[in-house]
Amino acid sequence: MLKGLGGLGGLGDMTKMMKAAQEMQTRMTEMQEELAAMTVTGTAGAGMVTATATAKGELTGLQIDPSLFTAENREVVEDLILAAIKDAQEKASETSKEEMAKITQAMGLPADMKLPF
């Protein structure tokens, strides 16, 4: 028997690790699909501008209260649009982090573990 290699016990551990890695990859793919289907809403100007995005951060909609459409409000409207989009993106990022934490916790990994997905 080869003492330096630890017998076949090391292969069993490697098989478990490979299975866990495949499970993680499957869960990550599922999570990416779920995030693409989830929506978040960002608002600005007390709800006068609303931006909708997927939880992955892709902007899918923008609503602007018609009362804002005057020439003198142009800069204000531009600022509100940017603020609403930023709010939606921040909510998307937070939702993504929460979903990632659920996966890592379910797999017994540290909740703050950074994964490349």
PDB file of N, CA and C in Angstrom:
ATOM      1  N   MET A   1       0.844  -1.177   0.000  1.00  0.00           N
ATOM      2  CA  MET A   1       0.000   0.000   0.000  1.00  0.00           C
ATOM      3  C   MET A   1       0.883   1.232   0.000  1.00  0.00           C
ATOM      4  N   LEU A   2       0.438   2.286  -0.676  1.00  0.00           N
ATOM      5  CA  LEU A   2       1.202   3.519  -0.743  1.00  0.00           C
ATOM      6  C   LEU A   2       0.821   4.410   0.425  1.00  0.00           C
ATOM      7  N   LYS A   3       1.710   4.480   1.391  1.00  0.00           N
ATOM      8  CA  LYS A   3       1.417   5.251   2.594  1.00  0.00           C
ATOM      9  C   LYS A   3       1.415   6.756   2.319  1.00  0.00           C
ATOM     10  N   GLY A   4       2.226   7.213   1.427  1.00  0.00           N
ATOM     11  CA  GLY A   4       2.331   8.650   1.156  1.00  0.00           C
ATOM     12  C   GLY A   4       1.065   9.231   0.542  1.00  0.00           C
ATOM     13  N   LEU A   5       0.257   8.407  -0.108  1.00  0.00           N
ATOM     14  CA  LEU A   5      -0.937   8.912  -0.763  1.00  0.00           C
ATOM     15  C   LEU A   5      -2.186   8.747   0.089  1.00  0.00           C
ATOM     16  N   GLY A   6      -2.061   8.115   1.223  1.00  0.00           N
ATOM     17  CA  GLY A   6      -3.204   7.980   2.113  1.00  0.00           C
ATOM     18  C   GLY A   6      -4.194   6.927   1.662  1.00  0.00           C
ATOM     19  N   GLY A   7      -3.793   5.991   0.864  1.00  0.00           N
ATOM     20  CA  GLY A   7      -4.711   4.942   0.415  1.00  0.00           C
ATOM     21  C   GLY A   7      -5.810   5.518  -0.462  1.00  0.00           C
ATOM     22  N   LEU A   8      -6.946   4.873  -0.493  1.00  0.00           N
ATOM     23  CA  LEU A   8      -8.065   5.311  -1.321  1.00  0.00           C
ATOM     24  C   LEU A   8      -8.925   6.361  -0.623  1.00  0.00           C
ATOM     25  N   GLY A   9      -8.693   6.597   0.642  1.00  0.00           N
ATOM     26  CA  GLY A   9      -9.478   7.597   1.372  1.00  0.00           C
ATOM     27  C   GLY A   9      -9.391   8.973   0.735  1.00  0.00           C
ATOM     28  N   GLY A  10      -8.241   9.311   0.198  1.00  0.00           N
ATOM     29  CA  GLY A  10      -8.064  10.598  -0.462  1.00  0.00           C
ATOM     30  C   GLY A  10      -8.915  10.712  -1.709  1.00  0.00           C
ATOM     31  N   LEU A  11      -9.098   9.618  -2.429  1.00  0.00           N
ATOM     32  CA  LEU A  11      -9.929   9.636  -3.637  1.00  0.00           C
ATOM     33  C   LEU A  11     -11.385   9.855  -3.282  1.00  0.00           C
ATOM     34  N   GLY A  12     -11.816   9.266  -2.178  1.00  0.00           N
ATOM     35  CA  GLY A  12     -13.198   9.457  -1.735  1.00  0.00           C
ATOM     36  C   GLY A  12     -13.466  10.913  -1.398  1.00  0.00           C
ATOM     37  N   ASP A  13     -12.491  11.555  -0.738  1.00  0.00           N
ATOM     38  CA  ASP A  13     -12.627  12.978  -0.426  1.00  0.00           C
ATOM     39  C   ASP A  13     -12.664  13.817  -1.698  1.00  0.00           C
ATOM     40  N   MET A  14     -11.856  13.439  -2.670  1.00  0.00           N
ATOM     41  CA  MET A  14     -11.822  14.170  -3.944  1.00  0.00           C
ATOM     42  C   MET A  14     -13.160  14.024  -4.661  1.00  0.00           C
ATOM     43  N   THR A  15     -13.740  12.841  -4.611  1.00  0.00           N
ATOM     44  CA  THR A  15     -15.038  12.614  -5.234  1.00  0.00           C
ATOM     45  C   THR A  15     -16.106  13.477  -4.572  1.00  0.00           C
ATOM     46  N   LYS A  16     -16.058  13.562  -3.241  1.00  0.00           N
ATOM     47  CA  LYS A  16     -17.011  14.415  -2.517  1.00  0.00           C
ATOM     48  C   LYS A  16     -16.830  15.876  -2.913  1.00  0.00           C
ATOM     49  N   MET A  17     -15.583  16.303  -3.035  1.00  0.00           N
ATOM     50  CA  MET A  17     -15.316  17.687  -3.409  1.00  0.00           C
ATOM     51  C   MET A  17     -15.817  17.986  -4.810  1.00  0.00           C
ATOM     52  N   MET A  18     -15.615  17.050  -5.732  1.00  0.00           N
ATOM     53  CA  MET A  18     -16.071  17.242  -7.107  1.00  0.00           C
ATOM     54  C   MET A  18     -17.595  17.297  -7.157  1.00  0.00           C
ATOM     55  N   LYS A  19     -18.240  16.446  -6.386  1.00  0.00           N
ATOM     56  CA  LYS A  19     -19.702  16.440  -6.345  1.00  0.00           C
ATOM     57  C   LYS A  19     -20.218  17.748  -5.763  1.00  0.00           C
ATOM     58  N   ALA A  20     -19.563  18.232  -4.718  1.00  0.00           N
ATOM     59  CA  ALA A  20     -19.957  19.500  -4.105  1.00  0.00           C
ATOM     60  C   ALA A  20     -19.760  20.653  -5.086  1.00  0.00           C
ATOM     61  N   ALA A  21     -18.684  20.619  -5.855  1.00  0.00           N
ATOM     62  CA  ALA A  21     -18.415  21.671  -6.840  1.00  0.00           C
ATOM     63  C   ALA A  21     -19.476  21.655  -7.936  1.00  0.00           C
ATOM     64  N   GLN A  22     -19.879  20.466  -8.373  1.00  0.00           N
ATOM     65  CA  GLN A  22     -20.927  20.365  -9.387  1.00  0.00           C
ATOM     66  C   GLN A  22     -22.256  20.878  -8.843  1.00  0.00           C
ATOM     67  N   GLU A  23     -22.541  20.556  -7.592  1.00  0.00           N
ATOM     68  CA  GLU A  23     -23.771  21.025  -6.960  1.00  0.00           C
ATOM     69  C   GLU A  23     -23.755  22.548  -6.862  1.00  0.00           C
ATOM     70  N   MET A  24     -22.620  23.111  -6.491  1.00  0.00           N
ATOM     71  CA  MET A  24     -22.482  24.558  -6.392  1.00  0.00           C
ATOM     72  C   MET A  24     -22.700  25.199  -7.760  1.00  0.00           C
ATOM     73  N   GLN A  25     -22.136  24.621  -8.795  1.00  0.00           N
ATOM     74  CA  GLN A  25     -22.287  25.168 -10.139  1.00  0.00           C
ATOM     75  C   GLN A  25     -23.756  25.138 -10.567  1.00  0.00           C
ATOM     76  N   THR A  26     -24.444  24.057 -10.273  1.00  0.00           N
ATOM     77  CA  THR A  26     -25.861  23.941 -10.604  1.00  0.00           C
ATOM     78  C   THR A  26     -26.668  24.991  -9.866  1.00  0.00           C
ATOM     79  N   ARG A  27     -26.406  25.152  -8.569  1.00  0.00           N
ATOM     80  CA  ARG A  27     -27.135  26.145  -7.770  1.00  0.00           C
ATOM     81  C   ARG A  27     -26.846  27.571  -8.260  1.00  0.00           C
ATOM     82  N   MET A  28     -25.609  27.833  -8.665  1.00  0.00           N
ATOM     83  CA  MET A  28     -25.262  29.160  -9.165  1.00  0.00           C
ATOM     84  C   MET A  28     -26.004  29.456 -10.464  1.00  0.00           C
ATOM     85  N   THR A  29     -26.095  28.481 -11.339  1.00  0.00           N
ATOM     86  CA  THR A  29     -26.838  28.655 -12.587  1.00  0.00           C
ATOM     87  C   THR A  29     -28.306  28.929 -12.294  1.00  0.00           C
ATOM     88  N   GLU A  30     -28.873  28.158 -11.368  1.00  0.00           N
ATOM     89  CA  GLU A  30     -30.268  28.368 -10.982  1.00  0.00           C
ATOM     90  C   GLU A  30     -30.454  29.764 -10.392  1.00  0.00           C
ATOM     91  N   MET A  31     -29.508  30.196  -9.560  1.00  0.00           N
ATOM     92  CA  MET A  31     -29.615  31.503  -8.940  1.00  0.00           C
ATOM     93  C   MET A  31     -29.563  32.611  -9.985  1.00  0.00           C
ATOM     94  N   GLN A  32     -28.686  32.477 -10.970  1.00  0.00           N
ATOM     95  CA  GLN A  32     -28.589  33.488 -12.024  1.00  0.00           C
ATOM     96  C   GLN A  32     -29.912  33.601 -12.781  1.00  0.00           C
ATOM     97  N   GLU A  33     -30.558  32.463 -13.037  1.00  0.00           N
ATOM     98  CA  GLU A  33     -31.849  32.469 -13.712  1.00  0.00           C
ATOM     99  C   GLU A  33     -32.920  33.124 -12.830  1.00  0.00           C
ATOM    100  N   GLU A  34     -32.885  32.826 -11.533  1.00  0.00           N
ATOM    101  CA  GLU A  34     -33.841  33.424 -10.600  1.00  0.00           C
ATOM    102  C   GLU A  34     -33.645  34.935 -10.509  1.00  0.00           C
ATOM    103  N   LEU A  35     -32.396  35.377 -10.461  1.00  0.00           N
ATOM    104  CA  LEU A  35     -32.114  36.811 -10.382  1.00  0.00           C
ATOM    105  C   LEU A  35     -32.591  37.530 -11.638  1.00  0.00           C
ATOM    106  N   ALA A  36     -32.471  36.887 -12.780  1.00  0.00           N
ATOM    107  CA  ALA A  36     -32.933  37.496 -14.029  1.00  0.00           C
ATOM    108  C   ALA A  36     -34.451  37.635 -14.047  1.00  0.00           C
ATOM    109  N   ALA A  37     -35.144  36.765 -13.312  1.00  0.00           N
ATOM    110  CA  ALA A  37     -36.603  36.808 -13.279  1.00  0.00           C
ATOM    111  C   ALA A  37     -37.135  37.734 -12.185  1.00  0.00           C
ATOM    112  N   MET A  38     -36.339  38.034 -11.161  1.00  0.00           N
ATOM    113  CA  MET A  38     -36.768  38.922 -10.075  1.00  0.00           C
ATOM    114  C   MET A  38     -36.674  40.369 -10.536  1.00  0.00           C
ATOM    115  N   THR A  39     -37.583  41.206 -10.024  1.00  0.00           N
ATOM    116  CA  THR A  39     -37.493  42.629 -10.332  1.00  0.00           C
ATOM    117  C   THR A  39     -37.404  43.440  -9.044  1.00  0.00           C
ATOM    118  N   VAL A  40     -36.729  44.557  -9.161  1.00  0.00           N
ATOM    119  CA  VAL A  40     -36.621  45.513  -8.065  1.00  0.00           C
ATOM    120  C   VAL A  40     -37.010  46.879  -8.621  1.00  0.00           C
ATOM    121  N   THR A  41     -37.452  47.762  -7.745  1.00  0.00           N
ATOM    122  CA  THR A  41     -37.884  49.090  -8.173  1.00  0.00           C
ATOM    123  C   THR A  41     -37.141  50.143  -7.377  1.00  0.00           C
ATOM    124  N   GLY A  42     -36.587  51.100  -8.096  1.00  0.00           N
ATOM    125  CA  GLY A  42     -35.943  52.237  -7.468  1.00  0.00           C
ATOM    126  C   GLY A  42     -36.770  53.484  -7.729  1.00  0.00           C
ATOM    127  N   THR A  43     -36.802  54.380  -6.774  1.00  0.00           N
ATOM    128  CA  THR A  43     -37.595  55.594  -6.939  1.00  0.00           C
ATOM    129  C   THR A  43     -36.778  56.832  -6.588  1.00  0.00           C
ATOM    130  N   ALA A  44     -37.248  57.958  -7.083  1.00  0.00           N
ATOM    131  CA  ALA A  44     -36.650  59.252  -6.749  1.00  0.00           C
ATOM    132  C   ALA A  44     -37.745  60.309  -6.845  1.00  0.00           C
ATOM    133  N   GLY A  45     -37.521  61.426  -6.178  1.00  0.00           N
ATOM    134  CA  GLY A  45     -38.483  62.519  -6.231  1.00  0.00           C
ATOM    135  C   GLY A  45     -39.833  62.134  -5.664  1.00  0.00           C
ATOM    136  N   ALA A  46     -39.823  61.445  -4.518  1.00  0.00           N
ATOM    137  CA  ALA A  46     -41.065  61.017  -3.855  1.00  0.00           C
ATOM    138  C   ALA A  46     -41.934  60.191  -4.793  1.00  0.00           C
ATOM    139  N   GLY A  47     -41.278  59.355  -5.602  1.00  0.00           N
ATOM    140  CA  GLY A  47     -42.013  58.452  -6.490  1.00  0.00           C
ATOM    141  C   GLY A  47     -42.357  59.046  -7.837  1.00  0.00           C
ATOM    142  N   MET A  48     -41.884  60.249  -8.132  1.00  0.00           N
ATOM    143  CA  MET A  48     -42.194  60.866  -9.425  1.00  0.00           C
ATOM    144  C   MET A  48     -41.423  60.203 -10.557  1.00  0.00           C
ATOM    145  N   VAL A  49     -40.311  59.572 -10.223  1.00  0.00           N
ATOM    146  CA  VAL A  49     -39.543  58.802 -11.205  1.00  0.00           C
ATOM    147  C   VAL A  49     -39.318  57.425 -10.605  1.00  0.00           C
ATOM    148  N   THR A  50     -39.658  56.402 -11.393  1.00  0.00           N
ATOM    149  CA  THR A  50     -39.518  55.023 -10.947  1.00  0.00           C
ATOM    150  C   THR A  50     -38.739  54.241 -11.994  1.00  0.00           C
ATOM    151  N   ALA A  51     -37.706  53.533 -11.543  1.00  0.00           N
ATOM    152  CA  ALA A  51     -36.914  52.675 -12.424  1.00  0.00           C
ATOM    153  C   ALA A  51     -37.097  51.233 -11.976  1.00  0.00           C
ATOM    154  N   THR A  52     -37.337  50.350 -12.932  1.00  0.00           N
ATOM    155  CA  THR A  52     -37.489  48.925 -12.651  1.00  0.00           C
ATOM    156  C   THR A  52     -36.317  48.197 -13.303  1.00  0.00           C
ATOM    157  N   ALA A  53     -35.760  47.242 -12.568  1.00  0.00           N
ATOM    158  CA  ALA A  53     -34.616  46.473 -13.070  1.00  0.00           C
ATOM    159  C   ALA A  53     -34.740  45.034 -12.605  1.00  0.00           C
ATOM    160  N   THR A  54     -34.007  44.144 -13.278  1.00  0.00           N
ATOM    161  CA  THR A  54     -33.914  42.773 -12.792  1.00  0.00           C
ATOM    162  C   THR A  54     -32.985  42.788 -11.593  1.00  0.00           C
ATOM    163  N   ALA A  55     -33.018  41.721 -10.818  1.00  0.00           N
ATOM    164  CA  ALA A  55     -32.115  41.626  -9.670  1.00  0.00           C
ATOM    165  C   ALA A  55     -30.666  41.477 -10.116  1.00  0.00           C
ATOM    166  N   LYS A  56     -30.450  41.270 -11.412  1.00  0.00           N
ATOM    167  CA  LYS A  56     -29.095  41.243 -11.954  1.00  0.00           C
ATOM    168  C   LYS A  56     -28.622  42.646 -12.325  1.00  0.00           C
ATOM    169  N   GLY A  57     -29.544  43.636 -12.208  1.00  0.00           N
ATOM    170  CA  GLY A  57     -29.166  45.014 -12.462  1.00  0.00           C
ATOM    171  C   GLY A  57     -29.520  45.540 -13.847  1.00  0.00           C
ATOM    172  N   GLU A  58     -30.209  44.757 -14.668  1.00  0.00           N
ATOM    173  CA  GLU A  58     -30.574  45.194 -16.018  1.00  0.00           C
ATOM    174  C   GLU A  58     -31.834  46.056 -15.951  1.00  0.00           C
ATOM    175  N   LEU A  59     -31.741  47.293 -16.411  1.00  0.00           N
ATOM    176  CA  LEU A  59     -32.865  48.213 -16.400  1.00  0.00           C
ATOM    177  C   LEU A  59     -33.932  47.704 -17.372  1.00  0.00           C
ATOM    178  N   THR A  60     -35.175  47.585 -16.884  1.00  0.00           N
ATOM    179  CA  THR A  60     -36.262  47.067 -17.720  1.00  0.00           C
ATOM    180  C   THR A  60     -37.404  48.053 -17.904  1.00  0.00           C
ATOM    181  N   GLY A  61     -37.439  49.097 -17.091  1.00  0.00           N
ATOM    182  CA  GLY A  61     -38.520  50.059 -17.236  1.00  0.00           C
ATOM    183  C   GLY A  61     -38.209  51.367 -16.542  1.00  0.00           C
ATOM    184  N   LEU A  62     -38.862  52.423 -17.024  1.00  0.00           N
ATOM    185  CA  LEU A  62     -38.675  53.748 -16.452  1.00  0.00           C
ATOM    186  C   LEU A  62     -39.996  54.498 -16.579  1.00  0.00           C
ATOM    187  N   GLN A  63     -40.487  55.005 -15.467  1.00  0.00           N
ATOM    188  CA  GLN A  63     -41.730  55.773 -15.473  1.00  0.00           C
ATOM    189  C   GLN A  63     -41.446  57.154 -14.902  1.00  0.00           C
ATOM    190  N   ILE A  64     -41.963  58.167 -15.600  1.00  0.00           N
ATOM    191  CA  ILE A  64     -41.758  59.546 -15.176  1.00  0.00           C
ATOM    192  C   ILE A  64     -43.121  60.227 -15.101  1.00  0.00           C
ATOM    193  N   ASP A  65     -43.389  60.856 -13.975  1.00  0.00           N
ATOM    194  CA  ASP A  65     -44.646  61.577 -13.807  1.00  0.00           C
ATOM    195  C   ASP A  65     -44.711  62.683 -14.863  1.00  0.00           C
ATOM    196  N   PRO A  66     -45.792  62.751 -15.640  1.00  0.00           N
ATOM    197  CA  PRO A  66     -45.904  63.741 -16.711  1.00  0.00           C
ATOM    198  C   PRO A  66     -45.785  65.194 -16.235  1.00  0.00           C
ATOM    199  N   SER A  67     -46.087  65.468 -14.976  1.00  0.00           N
ATOM    200  CA  SER A  67     -46.000  66.835 -14.479  1.00  0.00           C
ATOM    201  C   SER A  67     -44.568  67.371 -14.491  1.00  0.00           C
ATOM    202  N   LEU A  68     -43.591  66.481 -14.619  1.00  0.00           N
ATOM    203  CA  LEU A  68     -42.187  66.903 -14.635  1.00  0.00           C
ATOM    204  C   LEU A  68     -41.731  67.414 -16.003  1.00  0.00           C
ATOM    205  N   PHE A  69     -42.525  67.197 -17.033  1.00  0.00           N
ATOM    206  CA  PHE A  69     -42.106  67.533 -18.394  1.00  0.00           C
ATOM    207  C   PHE A  69     -42.342  69.000 -18.743  1.00  0.00           C
ATOM    208  N   THR A  70     -41.482  69.829 -18.205  1.00  0.00           N
ATOM    209  CA  THR A  70     -41.453  71.232 -18.590  1.00  0.00           C
ATOM    210  C   THR A  70     -39.996  71.585 -18.852  1.00  0.00           C
ATOM    211  N   ALA A  71     -39.796  72.593 -19.680  1.00  0.00           N
ATOM    212  CA  ALA A  71     -38.427  72.975 -20.062  1.00  0.00           C
ATOM    213  C   ALA A  71     -37.585  73.345 -18.850  1.00  0.00           C
ATOM    214  N   GLU A  72     -38.196  74.022 -17.880  1.00  0.00           N
ATOM    215  CA  GLU A  72     -37.400  74.451 -16.722  1.00  0.00           C
ATOM    216  C   GLU A  72     -37.070  73.298 -15.773  1.00  0.00           C
ATOM    217  N   ASN A  73     -37.741  72.164 -15.913  1.00  0.00           N
ATOM    218  CA  ASN A  73     -37.481  70.997 -15.056  1.00  0.00           C
ATOM    219  C   ASN A  73     -36.477  70.016 -15.665  1.00  0.00           C
ATOM    220  N   ARG A  74     -35.940  70.326 -16.825  1.00  0.00           N
ATOM    221  CA  ARG A  74     -35.093  69.362 -17.543  1.00  0.00           C
ATOM    222  C   ARG A  74     -33.963  68.798 -16.670  1.00  0.00           C
ATOM    223  N   GLU A  75     -33.189  69.647 -16.038  1.00  0.00           N
ATOM    224  CA  GLU A  75     -32.064  69.176 -15.225  1.00  0.00           C
ATOM    225  C   GLU A  75     -32.549  68.384 -14.016  1.00  0.00           C
ATOM    226  N   VAL A  76     -33.641  68.826 -13.421  1.00  0.00           N
ATOM    227  CA  VAL A  76     -34.204  68.103 -12.277  1.00  0.00           C
ATOM    228  C   VAL A  76     -34.627  66.708 -12.705  1.00  0.00           C
ATOM    229  N   VAL A  77     -35.299  66.612 -13.861  1.00  0.00           N
ATOM    230  CA  VAL A  77     -35.758  65.308 -14.367  1.00  0.00           C
ATOM    231  C   VAL A  77     -34.559  64.398 -14.636  1.00  0.00           C
ATOM    232  N   GLU A  78     -33.528  64.926 -15.241  1.00  0.00           N
ATOM    233  CA  GLU A  78     -32.329  64.127 -15.510  1.00  0.00           C
ATOM    234  C   GLU A  78     -31.734  63.598 -14.214  1.00  0.00           C
ATOM    235  N   ASP A  79     -31.646  64.449 -13.206  1.00  0.00           N
ATOM    236  CA  ASP A  79     -31.105  64.024 -11.912  1.00  0.00           C
ATOM    237  C   ASP A  79     -31.987  62.962 -11.264  1.00  0.00           C
ATOM    238  N   LEU A  80     -33.301  63.145 -11.356  1.00  0.00           N
ATOM    239  CA  LEU A  80     -34.224  62.167 -10.770  1.00  0.00           C
ATOM    240  C   LEU A  80     -34.129  60.823 -11.480  1.00  0.00           C
ATOM    241  N   ILE A  81     -33.975  60.852 -12.793  1.00  0.00           N
ATOM    242  CA  ILE A  81     -33.833  59.595 -13.551  1.00  0.00           C
ATOM    243  C   ILE A  81     -32.585  58.856 -13.078  1.00  0.00           C
ATOM    244  N   LEU A  82     -31.478  59.563 -12.998  1.00  0.00           N
ATOM    245  CA  LEU A  82     -30.233  58.926 -12.544  1.00  0.00           C
ATOM    246  C   LEU A  82     -30.372  58.391 -11.122  1.00  0.00           C
ATOM    247  N   ALA A  83     -31.024  59.159 -10.251  1.00  0.00           N
ATOM    248  CA  ALA A  83     -31.200  58.718  -8.863  1.00  0.00           C
ATOM    249  C   ALA A  83     -32.070  57.467  -8.791  1.00  0.00           C
ATOM    250  N   ALA A  84     -33.128  57.412  -9.579  1.00  0.00           N
ATOM    251  CA  ALA A  84     -34.013  56.242  -9.574  1.00  0.00           C
ATOM    252  C   ALA A  84     -33.284  55.010 -10.098  1.00  0.00           C
ATOM    253  N   ILE A  85     -32.507  55.183 -11.153  1.00  0.00           N
ATOM    254  CA  ILE A  85     -31.740  54.060 -11.704  1.00  0.00           C
ATOM    255  C   ILE A  85     -30.712  53.575 -10.686  1.00  0.00           C
ATOM    256  N   LYS A  86     -30.016  54.512 -10.041  1.00  0.00           N
ATOM    257  CA  LYS A  86     -29.030  54.131  -9.025  1.00  0.00           C
ATOM    258  C   LYS A  86     -29.695  53.378  -7.881  1.00  0.00           C
ATOM    259  N   ASP A  87     -30.865  53.834  -7.447  1.00  0.00           N
ATOM    260  CA  ASP A  87     -31.604  53.168  -6.383  1.00  0.00           C
ATOM    261  C   ASP A  87     -31.971  51.749  -6.795  1.00  0.00           C
ATOM    262  N   ALA A  88     -32.448  51.582  -8.026  1.00  0.00           N
ATOM    263  CA  ALA A  88     -32.797  50.246  -8.517  1.00  0.00           C
ATOM    264  C   ALA A  88     -31.568  49.350  -8.574  1.00  0.00           C
ATOM    265  N   GLN A  89     -30.441  49.882  -9.037  1.00  0.00           N
ATOM    266  CA  GLN A  89     -29.212  49.087  -9.112  1.00  0.00           C
ATOM    267  C   GLN A  89     -28.723  48.685  -7.732  1.00  0.00           C
ATOM    268  N   GLU A  90     -28.828  49.571  -6.758  1.00  0.00           N
ATOM    269  CA  GLU A  90     -28.421  49.234  -5.389  1.00  0.00           C
ATOM    270  C   GLU A  90     -29.310  48.132  -4.821  1.00  0.00           C
ATOM    271  N   LYS A  91     -30.596  48.212  -5.080  1.00  0.00           N
ATOM    272  CA  LYS A  91     -31.519  47.174  -4.615  1.00  0.00           C
ATOM    273  C   LYS A  91     -31.235  45.853  -5.316  1.00  0.00           C
ATOM    274  N   ALA A  92     -30.895  45.904  -6.604  1.00  0.00           N
ATOM    275  CA  ALA A  92     -30.547  44.688  -7.342  1.00  0.00           C
ATOM    276  C   ALA A  92     -29.299  44.048  -6.748  1.00  0.00           C
ATOM    277  N   SER A  93     -28.306  44.862  -6.441  1.00  0.00           N
ATOM    278  CA  SER A  93     -27.067  44.348  -5.853  1.00  0.00           C
ATOM    279  C   SER A  93     -27.333  43.707  -4.501  1.00  0.00           C
ATOM    280  N   GLU A  94     -28.142  44.349  -3.683  1.00  0.00           N
ATOM    281  CA  GLU A  94     -28.463  43.816  -2.357  1.00  0.00           C
ATOM    282  C   GLU A  94     -29.231  42.499  -2.473  1.00  0.00           C
ATOM    283  N   THR A  95     -30.173  42.436  -3.403  1.00  0.00           N
ATOM    284  CA  THR A  95     -30.939  41.205  -3.609  1.00  0.00           C
ATOM    285  C   THR A  95     -30.017  40.074  -4.060  1.00  0.00           C
ATOM    286  N   SER A  96     -29.102  40.388  -4.956  1.00  0.00           N
ATOM    287  CA  SER A  96     -28.143  39.394  -5.433  1.00  0.00           C
ATOM    288  C   SER A  96     -27.272  38.876  -4.289  1.00  0.00           C
ATOM    289  N   LYS A  97     -26.806  39.775  -3.423  1.00  0.00           N
ATOM    290  CA  LYS A  97     -25.983  39.376  -2.278  1.00  0.00           C
ATOM    291  C   LYS A  97     -26.773  38.476  -1.323  1.00  0.00           C
ATOM    292  N   GLU A  98     -28.039  38.828  -1.102  1.00  0.00           N
ATOM    293  CA  GLU A  98     -28.881  38.026  -0.209  1.00  0.00           C
ATOM    294  C   GLU A  98     -29.076  36.616  -0.768  1.00  0.00           C
ATOM    295  N   GLU A  99     -29.306  36.510  -2.073  1.00  0.00           N
ATOM    296  CA  GLU A  99     -29.501  35.200  -2.694  1.00  0.00           C
ATOM    297  C   GLU A  99     -28.213  34.381  -2.637  1.00  0.00           C
ATOM    298  N   MET A 100     -27.076  35.039  -2.845  1.00  0.00           N
ATOM    299  CA  MET A 100     -25.783  34.352  -2.779  1.00  0.00           C
ATOM    300  C   MET A 100     -25.534  33.838  -1.369  1.00  0.00           C
ATOM    301  N   ALA A 101     -25.881  34.627  -0.367  1.00  0.00           N
ATOM    302  CA  ALA A 101     -25.692  34.210   1.027  1.00  0.00           C
ATOM    303  C   ALA A 101     -26.527  32.972   1.335  1.00  0.00           C
ATOM    304  N   LYS A 102     -27.734  32.908   0.766  1.00  0.00           N
ATOM    305  CA  LYS A 102     -28.581  31.731   0.976  1.00  0.00           C
ATOM    306  C   LYS A 102     -27.909  30.474   0.427  1.00  0.00           C
ATOM    307  N   ILE A 103     -27.310  30.591  -0.743  1.00  0.00           N
ATOM    308  CA  ILE A 103     -26.656  29.436  -1.368  1.00  0.00           C
ATOM    309  C   ILE A 103     -25.441  29.007  -0.557  1.00  0.00           C
ATOM    310  N   THR A 104     -24.594  29.957  -0.198  1.00  0.00           N
ATOM    311  CA  THR A 104     -23.387  29.587   0.532  1.00  0.00           C
ATOM    312  C   THR A 104     -23.732  28.988   1.890  1.00  0.00           C
ATOM    313  N   GLN A 105     -24.757  29.530   2.546  1.00  0.00           N
ATOM    314  CA  GLN A 105     -25.175  29.005   3.842  1.00  0.00           C
ATOM    315  C   GLN A 105     -25.723  27.588   3.696  1.00  0.00           C
ATOM    316  N   ALA A 106     -26.522  27.355   2.657  1.00  0.00           N
ATOM    317  CA  ALA A 106     -27.100  26.028   2.437  1.00  0.00           C
ATOM    318  C   ALA A 106     -26.025  24.979   2.160  1.00  0.00           C
ATOM    319  N   MET A 107     -24.897  25.425   1.613  1.00  0.00           N
ATOM    320  CA  MET A 107     -23.816  24.492   1.293  1.00  0.00           C
ATOM    321  C   MET A 107     -22.797  24.409   2.419  1.00  0.00           C
ATOM    322  N   GLY A 108     -23.066  25.102   3.527  1.00  0.00           N
ATOM    323  CA  GLY A 108     -22.164  25.032   4.665  1.00  0.00           C
ATOM    324  C   GLY A 108     -20.928  25.895   4.524  1.00  0.00           C
ATOM    325  N   LEU A 109     -20.968  26.870   3.616  1.00  0.00           N
ATOM    326  CA  LEU A 109     -19.836  27.764   3.414  1.00  0.00           C
ATOM    327  C   LEU A 109     -20.062  29.034   4.226  1.00  0.00           C
ATOM    328  N   PRO A 110     -18.999  29.773   4.511  1.00  0.00           N
ATOM    329  CA  PRO A 110     -19.175  31.027   5.250  1.00  0.00           C
ATOM    330  C   PRO A 110     -20.084  31.984   4.474  1.00  0.00           C
ATOM    331  N   ALA A 111     -20.982  32.658   5.161  1.00  0.00           N
ATOM    332  CA  ALA A 111     -21.950  33.549   4.521  1.00  0.00           C
ATOM    333  C   ALA A 111     -21.275  34.691   3.766  1.00  0.00           C
ATOM    334  N   ASP A 112     -20.110  35.131   4.221  1.00  0.00           N
ATOM    335  CA  ASP A 112     -19.437  36.255   3.561  1.00  0.00           C
ATOM    336  C   ASP A 112     -18.414  35.801   2.526  1.00  0.00           C
ATOM    337  N   MET A 113     -18.448  34.528   2.150  1.00  0.00           N
ATOM    338  CA  MET A 113     -17.510  34.006   1.167  1.00  0.00           C
ATOM    339  C   MET A 113     -17.775  34.639  -0.198  1.00  0.00           C
ATOM    340  N   LYS A 114     -16.736  35.145  -0.826  1.00  0.00           N
ATOM    341  CA  LYS A 114     -16.858  35.779  -2.139  1.00  0.00           C
ATOM    342  C   LYS A 114     -16.670  34.716  -3.208  1.00  0.00           C
ATOM    343  N   LEU A 115     -17.686  34.566  -4.059  1.00  0.00           N
ATOM    344  CA  LEU A 115     -17.600  33.631  -5.165  1.00  0.00           C
ATOM    345  C   LEU A 115     -17.515  34.414  -6.458  1.00  0.00           C
ATOM    346  N   PRO A 116     -16.915  33.842  -7.494  1.00  0.00           N
ATOM    347  CA  PRO A 116     -16.709  34.592  -8.742  1.00  0.00           C
ATOM    348  C   PRO A 116     -17.944  34.689  -9.611  1.00  0.00           C
ATOM    349  N   PHE A 117     -19.108  34.576  -9.075  1.00  0.00           N
ATOM    350  CA  PHE A 117     -20.310  34.636  -9.896  1.00  0.00           C
ATOM    351  C   PHE A 117     -21.035  35.879  -9.550  1.00  0.00           C
TER     352      PHE A 117
END
